[in-house]
Amino acid sequence: MRRLLIPSLLAIAGILAASCGAAPAVPGVAQGRAAPVPTAAVGAVVHLNFESFEPSVVTIHAGQAVEWQWGTPPVPDNVAIAGGATSPPMNSGTWYHTFDRPGVYAYRSDFHQRMRGKVIVLPAQP
């Protein structure tokens, strides 16, 4: 009996030690996921702070990327571009999207209805 008890206690202690100091896990939310650096130049950075995008309107040129940075863990959030890509739900980290064509692109959060923004994409620079 003692042979089984000691390894079991050591395994439990290891699990408890590994979980100390870790951010609380929210099911379905990426923890500190960082997107790879885009091949396009980053034209603007938007911060997700509390329940707002800052700045909420950015202007870039076609072919550039927008970088969204999560800054208020553990509140999960995402970026949903109208008619386009959607980031995974995250509570920290960075997500990029490259805009190839001029236009005005609205985006929002699926988690906070008031969180809305726009990306204004001008023609590519010569």
N, C-alpha and C. Protein backbone atom coordinates (compact mmCIF):
# COMPACT_ATOMS: atom_id res chain seq x y z
N MET A 1 0.82 -1.19 0.00
CA MET A 1 0.00 0.00 0.00
C MET A 1 0.87 1.26 0.00
N ARG A 2 1.93 1.21 0.80
CA ARG A 2 2.81 2.36 0.90
C ARG A 2 3.50 2.64 -0.44
N ARG A 3 3.81 1.59 -1.22
CA ARG A 3 4.45 1.76 -2.52
C ARG A 3 3.56 2.54 -3.48
N LEU A 4 2.27 2.39 -3.37
CA LEU A 4 1.33 3.11 -4.24
C LEU A 4 1.07 4.53 -3.74
N LEU A 5 1.09 4.71 -2.44
CA LEU A 5 0.76 6.00 -1.85
C LEU A 5 1.80 7.07 -2.17
N ILE A 6 3.07 6.76 -2.04
CA ILE A 6 4.13 7.77 -2.24
C ILE A 6 4.15 8.26 -3.69
N PRO A 7 4.16 7.39 -4.73
CA PRO A 7 4.13 7.92 -6.10
C PRO A 7 2.87 8.74 -6.39
N SER A 8 1.76 8.32 -5.82
CA SER A 8 0.52 9.08 -6.04
C SER A 8 0.61 10.46 -5.43
N LEU A 9 1.14 10.57 -4.24
CA LEU A 9 1.30 11.87 -3.58
C LEU A 9 2.28 12.75 -4.34
N LEU A 10 3.36 12.16 -4.86
CA LEU A 10 4.32 12.94 -5.63
C LEU A 10 3.70 13.46 -6.93
N ALA A 11 2.89 12.64 -7.57
CA ALA A 11 2.21 13.08 -8.80
C ALA A 11 1.25 14.23 -8.52
N ILE A 12 0.50 14.13 -7.44
CA ILE A 12 -0.44 15.21 -7.07
C ILE A 12 0.33 16.48 -6.73
N ALA A 13 1.43 16.36 -6.01
CA ALA A 13 2.23 17.53 -5.66
C ALA A 13 2.79 18.19 -6.91
N GLY A 14 3.21 17.40 -7.89
CA GLY A 14 3.72 17.96 -9.14
C GLY A 14 2.66 18.72 -9.92
N ILE A 15 1.46 18.19 -9.96
CA ILE A 15 0.35 18.86 -10.64
C ILE A 15 0.03 20.17 -9.94
N LEU A 16 -0.04 20.16 -8.64
CA LEU A 16 -0.33 21.38 -7.89
C LEU A 16 0.77 22.43 -8.08
N ALA A 17 2.02 22.01 -8.09
CA ALA A 17 3.13 22.95 -8.27
C ALA A 17 3.09 23.56 -9.67
N ALA A 18 2.75 22.76 -10.66
CA ALA A 18 2.72 23.27 -12.03
C ALA A 18 1.60 24.27 -12.24
N SER A 19 0.52 24.13 -11.48
CA SER A 19 -0.61 25.03 -11.67
C SER A 19 -0.51 26.32 -10.87
N CYS A 20 0.44 26.42 -9.96
CA CYS A 20 0.59 27.64 -9.16
C CYS A 20 1.05 28.78 -10.04
N GLY A 21 0.40 29.92 -9.92
CA GLY A 21 0.79 31.10 -10.66
C GLY A 21 0.28 31.15 -12.08
N ALA A 22 -0.39 30.14 -12.54
CA ALA A 22 -0.91 30.15 -13.91
C ALA A 22 -2.20 30.94 -13.96
N ALA A 23 -2.45 31.57 -15.12
CA ALA A 23 -3.69 32.31 -15.30
C ALA A 23 -4.85 31.33 -15.31
N PRO A 24 -6.01 31.75 -14.81
CA PRO A 24 -7.14 30.86 -14.82
C PRO A 24 -7.55 30.53 -16.25
N ALA A 25 -7.82 29.27 -16.48
CA ALA A 25 -8.20 28.84 -17.83
C ALA A 25 -9.68 29.07 -18.04
N VAL A 26 -10.02 29.65 -19.16
CA VAL A 26 -11.41 29.84 -19.55
C VAL A 26 -11.64 28.91 -20.72
N PRO A 27 -12.61 27.98 -20.61
CA PRO A 27 -12.82 27.03 -21.70
C PRO A 27 -13.04 27.73 -23.03
N GLY A 28 -12.37 27.25 -24.07
CA GLY A 28 -12.54 27.79 -25.41
C GLY A 28 -11.79 29.09 -25.66
N VAL A 29 -10.97 29.53 -24.71
CA VAL A 29 -10.24 30.79 -24.85
C VAL A 29 -8.75 30.50 -24.90
N ALA A 30 -8.10 31.02 -25.94
CA ALA A 30 -6.66 30.83 -26.07
C ALA A 30 -5.94 31.60 -24.96
N GLN A 31 -4.99 30.97 -24.33
CA GLN A 31 -4.24 31.58 -23.24
C GLN A 31 -2.90 32.08 -23.76
N GLY A 32 -2.76 33.40 -23.95
CA GLY A 32 -1.47 33.96 -24.34
C GLY A 32 -1.01 33.55 -25.72
N ARG A 33 -1.92 33.26 -26.58
CA ARG A 33 -1.56 32.84 -27.94
C ARG A 33 -1.05 34.04 -28.73
N ALA A 34 0.11 33.91 -29.31
CA ALA A 34 0.66 34.99 -30.13
C ALA A 34 0.68 34.54 -31.59
N ALA A 35 0.11 35.35 -32.45
CA ALA A 35 0.10 35.03 -33.87
C ALA A 35 1.48 35.27 -34.46
N PRO A 36 1.84 34.52 -35.49
CA PRO A 36 3.13 34.76 -36.14
C PRO A 36 3.15 36.14 -36.79
N VAL A 37 4.32 36.71 -36.89
CA VAL A 37 4.46 38.03 -37.50
C VAL A 37 4.02 37.93 -38.96
N PRO A 38 3.16 38.84 -39.42
CA PRO A 38 2.68 38.75 -40.79
C PRO A 38 3.79 39.08 -41.79
N THR A 39 3.62 38.60 -43.02
CA THR A 39 4.61 38.91 -44.05
C THR A 39 4.47 40.36 -44.50
N ALA A 40 3.28 40.94 -44.35
CA ALA A 40 3.06 42.35 -44.71
C ALA A 40 3.49 43.24 -43.56
N ALA A 41 3.80 44.48 -43.88
CA ALA A 41 4.15 45.45 -42.84
C ALA A 41 2.93 45.76 -41.99
N VAL A 42 3.15 46.00 -40.72
CA VAL A 42 2.06 46.38 -39.82
C VAL A 42 1.83 47.88 -39.98
N GLY A 43 0.62 48.25 -40.37
CA GLY A 43 0.29 49.66 -40.59
C GLY A 43 -0.35 50.32 -39.39
N ALA A 44 -0.93 49.52 -38.47
CA ALA A 44 -1.61 50.09 -37.31
C ALA A 44 -1.69 49.03 -36.21
N VAL A 45 -1.73 49.51 -34.98
CA VAL A 45 -1.88 48.64 -33.81
C VAL A 45 -3.12 49.09 -33.05
N VAL A 46 -3.98 48.12 -32.70
CA VAL A 46 -5.20 48.38 -31.94
C VAL A 46 -5.11 47.57 -30.65
N HIS A 47 -5.37 48.22 -29.52
CA HIS A 47 -5.34 47.56 -28.21
C HIS A 47 -6.76 47.24 -27.78
N LEU A 48 -6.96 46.03 -27.26
CA LEU A 48 -8.23 45.66 -26.66
C LEU A 48 -8.07 45.88 -25.16
N ASN A 49 -8.67 46.94 -24.66
CA ASN A 49 -8.57 47.29 -23.25
C ASN A 49 -9.96 47.36 -22.64
N PHE A 50 -10.16 46.58 -21.59
CA PHE A 50 -11.45 46.49 -20.92
C PHE A 50 -12.51 46.16 -21.95
N GLU A 51 -13.39 47.05 -22.28
CA GLU A 51 -14.43 46.78 -23.27
C GLU A 51 -14.37 47.79 -24.40
N SER A 52 -13.14 48.04 -24.92
CA SER A 52 -13.01 48.99 -26.02
C SER A 52 -11.81 48.63 -26.91
N PHE A 53 -11.90 49.07 -28.15
CA PHE A 53 -10.77 49.01 -29.07
C PHE A 53 -10.13 50.39 -29.05
N GLU A 54 -8.82 50.46 -28.86
CA GLU A 54 -8.14 51.75 -28.79
C GLU A 54 -6.94 51.78 -29.71
N PRO A 55 -6.94 52.61 -30.76
CA PRO A 55 -8.04 53.43 -31.24
C PRO A 55 -9.07 52.57 -31.97
N SER A 56 -10.27 53.06 -32.05
CA SER A 56 -11.33 52.27 -32.69
C SER A 56 -11.34 52.42 -34.21
N VAL A 57 -10.72 53.48 -34.73
CA VAL A 57 -10.63 53.69 -36.17
C VAL A 57 -9.16 53.87 -36.53
N VAL A 58 -8.68 53.07 -37.49
CA VAL A 58 -7.30 53.17 -37.95
C VAL A 58 -7.29 53.26 -39.47
N THR A 59 -6.25 53.86 -40.01
CA THR A 59 -6.09 53.99 -41.46
C THR A 59 -4.76 53.37 -41.86
N ILE A 60 -4.82 52.49 -42.86
CA ILE A 60 -3.63 51.83 -43.38
C ILE A 60 -3.69 51.86 -44.91
N HIS A 61 -2.69 51.30 -45.55
CA HIS A 61 -2.67 51.17 -47.01
C HIS A 61 -2.88 49.70 -47.38
N ALA A 62 -3.46 49.47 -48.57
CA ALA A 62 -3.66 48.10 -49.05
C ALA A 62 -2.33 47.35 -49.01
N GLY A 63 -2.39 46.12 -48.55
CA GLY A 63 -1.19 45.30 -48.40
C GLY A 63 -0.58 45.34 -47.02
N GLN A 64 -1.08 46.23 -46.16
CA GLN A 64 -0.58 46.31 -44.78
C GLN A 64 -1.48 45.49 -43.85
N ALA A 65 -0.95 45.22 -42.68
CA ALA A 65 -1.67 44.47 -41.66
C ALA A 65 -2.04 45.36 -40.49
N VAL A 66 -3.09 44.96 -39.78
CA VAL A 66 -3.43 45.57 -38.49
C VAL A 66 -3.08 44.54 -37.42
N GLU A 67 -2.47 45.00 -36.36
CA GLU A 67 -2.11 44.16 -35.23
C GLU A 67 -3.05 44.48 -34.08
N TRP A 68 -3.79 43.48 -33.59
CA TRP A 68 -4.65 43.66 -32.42
C TRP A 68 -3.94 43.03 -31.24
N GLN A 69 -3.83 43.79 -30.13
CA GLN A 69 -3.14 43.32 -28.92
C GLN A 69 -4.12 43.27 -27.76
N TRP A 70 -4.21 42.11 -27.11
CA TRP A 70 -5.06 41.95 -25.93
C TRP A 70 -4.28 42.42 -24.72
N GLY A 71 -4.92 43.28 -23.89
CA GLY A 71 -4.19 43.84 -22.77
C GLY A 71 -4.87 43.70 -21.42
N THR A 72 -6.01 43.03 -21.34
CA THR A 72 -6.71 42.96 -20.05
C THR A 72 -7.15 41.54 -19.71
N PRO A 73 -6.20 40.62 -19.55
CA PRO A 73 -6.62 39.28 -19.15
C PRO A 73 -7.25 39.35 -17.77
N PRO A 74 -8.12 38.51 -17.36
CA PRO A 74 -8.58 37.30 -18.03
C PRO A 74 -9.89 37.48 -18.81
N VAL A 75 -10.20 38.68 -19.24
CA VAL A 75 -11.45 38.91 -19.96
C VAL A 75 -11.29 38.43 -21.41
N PRO A 76 -12.02 37.39 -21.82
CA PRO A 76 -11.88 36.92 -23.20
C PRO A 76 -12.54 37.86 -24.19
N ASP A 77 -11.98 37.92 -25.38
CA ASP A 77 -12.53 38.77 -26.44
C ASP A 77 -12.04 38.26 -27.78
N ASN A 78 -12.62 38.80 -28.84
CA ASN A 78 -12.16 38.46 -30.18
C ASN A 78 -12.34 39.66 -31.09
N VAL A 79 -11.88 39.52 -32.33
CA VAL A 79 -12.05 40.53 -33.37
C VAL A 79 -12.76 39.83 -34.52
N ALA A 80 -13.92 40.35 -34.90
CA ALA A 80 -14.69 39.77 -36.01
C ALA A 80 -14.82 40.84 -37.09
N ILE A 81 -14.14 40.63 -38.22
CA ILE A 81 -14.17 41.59 -39.32
C ILE A 81 -15.36 41.25 -40.21
N ALA A 82 -16.21 42.23 -40.47
CA ALA A 82 -17.41 42.00 -41.28
C ALA A 82 -17.04 41.42 -42.63
N GLY A 83 -17.64 40.28 -42.97
CA GLY A 83 -17.37 39.64 -44.24
C GLY A 83 -15.98 39.08 -44.38
N GLY A 84 -15.26 38.95 -43.27
CA GLY A 84 -13.87 38.49 -43.36
C GLY A 84 -13.49 37.55 -42.25
N ALA A 85 -12.29 37.70 -41.78
CA ALA A 85 -11.71 36.82 -40.78
C ALA A 85 -12.20 37.14 -39.37
N THR A 86 -12.08 36.15 -38.51
CA THR A 86 -12.39 36.31 -37.09
C THR A 86 -11.26 35.70 -36.28
N SER A 87 -10.78 36.44 -35.30
CA SER A 87 -9.72 35.92 -34.43
C SER A 87 -10.33 34.86 -33.51
N PRO A 88 -9.48 34.00 -32.96
CA PRO A 88 -9.99 33.09 -31.94
C PRO A 88 -10.28 33.89 -30.67
N PRO A 89 -11.18 33.40 -29.82
CA PRO A 89 -11.37 34.06 -28.52
C PRO A 89 -10.06 33.97 -27.74
N MET A 90 -9.59 35.10 -27.24
CA MET A 90 -8.32 35.14 -26.51
C MET A 90 -8.46 36.07 -25.31
N ASN A 91 -7.60 35.88 -24.33
CA ASN A 91 -7.56 36.82 -23.21
C ASN A 91 -6.21 37.50 -23.10
N SER A 92 -5.27 37.12 -23.94
CA SER A 92 -3.99 37.81 -24.04
C SER A 92 -3.34 37.38 -25.34
N GLY A 93 -2.39 38.16 -25.80
CA GLY A 93 -1.68 37.80 -27.02
C GLY A 93 -1.90 38.81 -28.13
N THR A 94 -1.61 38.40 -29.35
CA THR A 94 -1.65 39.28 -30.51
C THR A 94 -2.25 38.52 -31.69
N TRP A 95 -3.01 39.25 -32.52
CA TRP A 95 -3.58 38.67 -33.74
C TRP A 95 -3.43 39.69 -34.86
N TYR A 96 -3.08 39.23 -36.06
CA TYR A 96 -2.86 40.10 -37.21
C TYR A 96 -3.85 39.76 -38.32
N HIS A 97 -4.20 40.77 -39.11
CA HIS A 97 -4.95 40.54 -40.34
C HIS A 97 -4.44 41.52 -41.39
N THR A 98 -4.15 40.99 -42.59
CA THR A 98 -3.67 41.82 -43.69
C THR A 98 -4.84 42.17 -44.60
N PHE A 99 -4.93 43.45 -44.97
CA PHE A 99 -6.00 43.96 -45.83
C PHE A 99 -5.39 44.22 -47.21
N ASP A 100 -5.90 43.52 -48.21
CA ASP A 100 -5.32 43.60 -49.56
C ASP A 100 -6.01 44.61 -50.47
N ARG A 101 -7.24 44.99 -50.16
CA ARG A 101 -7.98 45.90 -51.05
C ARG A 101 -8.45 47.15 -50.30
N PRO A 102 -8.44 48.29 -51.00
CA PRO A 102 -8.96 49.52 -50.39
C PRO A 102 -10.43 49.37 -50.02
N GLY A 103 -10.84 50.09 -49.00
CA GLY A 103 -12.23 50.07 -48.55
C GLY A 103 -12.31 50.39 -47.08
N VAL A 104 -13.52 50.33 -46.56
CA VAL A 104 -13.76 50.54 -45.13
C VAL A 104 -14.27 49.22 -44.57
N TYR A 105 -13.56 48.70 -43.58
CA TYR A 105 -13.87 47.40 -43.01
C TYR A 105 -14.31 47.59 -41.55
N ALA A 106 -15.56 47.28 -41.27
CA ALA A 106 -16.06 47.35 -39.89
C ALA A 106 -15.65 46.08 -39.17
N TYR A 107 -15.37 46.20 -37.89
CA TYR A 107 -15.09 45.03 -37.06
C TYR A 107 -15.74 45.21 -35.71
N ARG A 108 -15.90 44.10 -34.99
CA ARG A 108 -16.58 44.13 -33.70
C ARG A 108 -16.05 43.00 -32.81
N SER A 109 -16.52 43.01 -31.59
CA SER A 109 -16.28 41.92 -30.66
C SER A 109 -17.57 41.10 -30.58
N ASP A 110 -17.44 39.79 -30.60
CA ASP A 110 -18.60 38.93 -30.41
C ASP A 110 -18.99 38.82 -28.93
N PHE A 111 -18.12 39.30 -28.05
CA PHE A 111 -18.35 39.18 -26.61
C PHE A 111 -18.93 40.45 -25.99
N HIS A 112 -18.61 41.60 -26.56
CA HIS A 112 -19.05 42.89 -26.02
C HIS A 112 -19.69 43.70 -27.15
N GLN A 113 -20.99 43.83 -27.12
CA GLN A 113 -21.74 44.45 -28.21
C GLN A 113 -21.31 45.89 -28.52
N ARG A 114 -20.86 46.63 -27.52
CA ARG A 114 -20.46 48.03 -27.74
C ARG A 114 -19.09 48.16 -28.40
N MET A 115 -18.33 47.09 -28.42
CA MET A 115 -16.98 47.16 -28.99
C MET A 115 -17.07 47.07 -30.51
N ARG A 116 -16.81 48.21 -31.15
CA ARG A 116 -16.86 48.27 -32.61
C ARG A 116 -15.73 49.16 -33.10
N GLY A 117 -15.29 48.91 -34.32
CA GLY A 117 -14.24 49.73 -34.89
C GLY A 117 -14.26 49.67 -36.40
N LYS A 118 -13.33 50.41 -37.02
CA LYS A 118 -13.22 50.44 -38.48
C LYS A 118 -11.75 50.47 -38.87
N VAL A 119 -11.47 49.80 -39.99
CA VAL A 119 -10.17 49.89 -40.62
C VAL A 119 -10.41 50.55 -41.97
N ILE A 120 -9.82 51.70 -42.18
CA ILE A 120 -9.90 52.40 -43.46
C ILE A 120 -8.65 52.04 -44.24
N VAL A 121 -8.86 51.40 -45.40
CA VAL A 121 -7.74 50.94 -46.21
C VAL A 121 -7.66 51.79 -47.47
N LEU A 122 -6.57 52.54 -47.57
CA LEU A 122 -6.31 53.40 -48.73
C LEU A 122 -5.58 52.58 -49.80
N PRO A 123 -5.55 53.09 -51.04
CA PRO A 123 -4.78 52.39 -52.08
C PRO A 123 -3.33 52.19 -51.65
N ALA A 124 -2.71 51.15 -52.19
CA ALA A 124 -1.32 50.85 -51.86
C ALA A 124 -0.42 52.03 -52.20
N GLN A 125 0.61 52.19 -51.39
CA GLN A 125 1.58 53.24 -51.65
C GLN A 125 2.45 52.84 -52.83
N PRO A 126 2.78 53.83 -53.69
CA PRO A 126 3.64 53.51 -54.85
C PRO A 126 5.05 53.12 -54.43
